[in-house]
């Protein structure tokens, strides 16, 4: 959020303490909670990486850098 506000030349105020040192990466969180349902799939790793790539593109905060709906539909995960 801080980076996006900087890019958009806006002020960012918060009273929420940072979790930078204690946080967990998005892909690690998803992998932890999805492992059980996918563990038998031999292509799990490649499918997982592809899905995470699409999610990161869709969840990019700055709309200028976010994937468009049309391009998202062309992403290999949905192909």
C-alpha atoms as a PDB file:
ATOM      1  CA  UNK A   1       0.000   0.000   0.000  1.00  0.00           C
ATOM      2  CA  UNK A   2       2.833   2.371   0.833  1.00  0.00           C
ATOM      3  CA  UNK A   3       4.472   1.740  -2.542  1.00  0.00           C
ATOM      4  CA  UNK A   4       1.209   2.305  -4.412  1.00  0.00           C
ATOM      5  CA  UNK A   5       0.517   5.559  -2.575  1.00  0.00           C
ATOM      6  CA  UNK A   6       4.042   6.694  -3.431  1.00  0.00           C
ATOM      7  CA  UNK A   7       3.535   5.845  -7.119  1.00  0.00           C
ATOM      8  CA  UNK A   8       0.231   7.729  -7.171  1.00  0.00           C
ATOM      9  CA  UNK A   9       1.712  10.691  -5.270  1.00  0.00           C
ATOM     10  CA  UNK A  10      -0.715  10.214  -2.375  1.00  0.00           C
ATOM     11  CA  UNK A  11      -0.225  10.246   1.384  1.00  0.00           C
ATOM     12  CA  UNK A  12      -0.561   6.954   3.218  1.00  0.00           C
ATOM     13  CA  UNK A  13      -1.446   7.044   6.906  1.00  0.00           C
ATOM     14  CA  UNK A  14      -2.007   4.043   9.124  1.00  0.00           C
ATOM     15  CA  UNK A  15      -1.960   3.100  12.763  1.00  0.00           C
ATOM     16  CA  UNK A  16      -1.642  -0.602  11.981  1.00  0.00           C
ATOM     17  CA  UNK A  17       1.758  -1.967  12.960  1.00  0.00           C
ATOM     18  CA  UNK A  18       3.814  -3.476  10.189  1.00  0.00           C
ATOM     19  CA  UNK A  19       4.119  -7.224   9.781  1.00  0.00           C
ATOM     20  CA  UNK A  20       7.061  -7.126   7.383  1.00  0.00           C
ATOM     21  CA  UNK A  21       9.316  -9.146   9.692  1.00  0.00           C
ATOM     22  CA  UNK A  22       6.623 -11.591  10.773  1.00  0.00           C
ATOM     23  CA  UNK A  23       4.629 -11.955   7.578  1.00  0.00           C
ATOM     24  CA  UNK A  24       4.304 -14.980   5.330  1.00  0.00           C
ATOM     25  CA  UNK A  25       4.625 -14.889   1.572  1.00  0.00           C
ATOM     26  CA  UNK A  26       1.380 -15.295  -0.348  1.00  0.00           C
ATOM     27  CA  UNK A  27       2.543 -18.359  -2.260  1.00  0.00           C
ATOM     28  CA  UNK A  28       3.753 -20.054   0.942  1.00  0.00           C
ATOM     29  CA  UNK A  29       0.382 -19.433   2.585  1.00  0.00           C
ATOM     30  CA  UNK A  30      -1.574 -20.847  -0.359  1.00  0.00           C
ATOM     31  CA  UNK A  31       0.761 -23.842  -0.711  1.00  0.00           C
ATOM     32  CA  UNK A  32       0.322 -24.675   2.988  1.00  0.00           C
ATOM     33  CA  UNK A  33      -3.462 -24.679   2.790  1.00  0.00           C
ATOM     34  CA  UNK A  34      -3.806 -26.386  -0.593  1.00  0.00           C
ATOM     35  CA  UNK A  35      -1.231 -29.160  -0.277  1.00  0.00           C
ATOM     36  CA  UNK A  36      -3.625 -31.774   1.101  1.00  0.00           C
ATOM     37  CA  UNK A  37      -6.111 -31.528  -1.756  1.00  0.00           C
ATOM     38  CA  UNK A  38      -3.455 -31.600  -4.493  1.00  0.00           C
ATOM     39  CA  UNK A  39      -0.737 -33.875  -3.085  1.00  0.00           C
ATOM     40  CA  UNK A  40      -1.637 -36.802  -5.375  1.00  0.00           C
ATOM     41  CA  UNK A  41      -1.344 -34.725  -8.573  1.00  0.00           C
ATOM     42  CA  UNK A  42       2.073 -35.274 -10.222  1.00  0.00           C
ATOM     43  CA  UNK A  43       1.808 -31.859 -11.921  1.00  0.00           C
ATOM     44  CA  UNK A  44       1.074 -30.056  -8.645  1.00  0.00           C
ATOM     45  CA  UNK A  45       4.199 -27.883  -8.648  1.00  0.00           C
ATOM     46  CA  UNK A  46       3.796 -26.569 -12.194  1.00  0.00           C
ATOM     47  CA  UNK A  47       0.042 -26.012 -11.773  1.00  0.00           C
ATOM     48  CA  UNK A  48       0.624 -24.297  -8.445  1.00  0.00           C
ATOM     49  CA  UNK A  49       3.258 -21.947  -9.857  1.00  0.00           C
ATOM     50  CA  UNK A  50       0.992 -21.085 -12.781  1.00  0.00           C
ATOM     51  CA  UNK A  51      -1.983 -20.403 -10.476  1.00  0.00           C
ATOM     52  CA  UNK A  52       0.105 -18.207  -8.162  1.00  0.00           C
ATOM     53  CA  UNK A  53       1.401 -16.246 -11.138  1.00  0.00           C
ATOM     54  CA  UNK A  54      -2.160 -15.507 -12.272  1.00  0.00           C
ATOM     55  CA  UNK A  55      -3.276 -14.559  -8.751  1.00  0.00           C
ATOM     56  CA  UNK A  56      -0.356 -12.168  -8.327  1.00  0.00           C
ATOM     57  CA  UNK A  57      -1.141 -10.559 -11.684  1.00  0.00           C
ATOM     58  CA  UNK A  58      -4.819 -10.165 -10.719  1.00  0.00           C
ATOM     59  CA  UNK A  59      -4.087  -8.847  -7.224  1.00  0.00           C
ATOM     60  CA  UNK A  60      -1.545  -6.214  -8.250  1.00  0.00           C
ATOM     61  CA  UNK A  61      -2.543  -3.068  -6.357  1.00  0.00           C
ATOM     62  CA  UNK A  62      -1.629  -0.567  -9.040  1.00  0.00           C
ATOM     63  CA  UNK A  63      -4.287  -0.809 -11.752  1.00  0.00           C
ATOM     64  CA  UNK A  64      -1.790   0.396 -14.365  1.00  0.00           C
ATOM     65  CA  UNK A  65       0.305  -2.722 -13.734  1.00  0.00           C
ATOM     66  CA  UNK A  66      -2.577  -5.179 -13.167  1.00  0.00           C
ATOM     67  CA  UNK A  67      -3.434  -7.774 -15.802  1.00  0.00           C
ATOM     68  CA  UNK A  68      -6.531  -7.004 -17.856  1.00  0.00           C
ATOM     69  CA  UNK A  69      -9.512  -9.356 -17.852  1.00  0.00           C
ATOM     70  CA  UNK A  70      -8.873 -10.196 -21.501  1.00  0.00           C
ATOM     71  CA  UNK A  71      -5.229 -11.057 -20.831  1.00  0.00           C
ATOM     72  CA  UNK A  72      -6.147 -12.997 -17.696  1.00  0.00           C
ATOM     73  CA  UNK A  73      -8.394 -15.228 -19.779  1.00  0.00           C
ATOM     74  CA  UNK A  74      -5.400 -15.977 -22.014  1.00  0.00           C
ATOM     75  CA  UNK A  75      -3.172 -16.918 -19.067  1.00  0.00           C
ATOM     76  CA  UNK A  76      -1.855 -20.510 -19.241  1.00  0.00           C
ATOM     77  CA  UNK A  77      -3.608 -21.421 -15.977  1.00  0.00           C
ATOM     78  CA  UNK A  78      -6.987 -20.842 -17.633  1.00  0.00           C
ATOM     79  CA  UNK A  79      -5.997 -22.202 -21.035  1.00  0.00           C
END
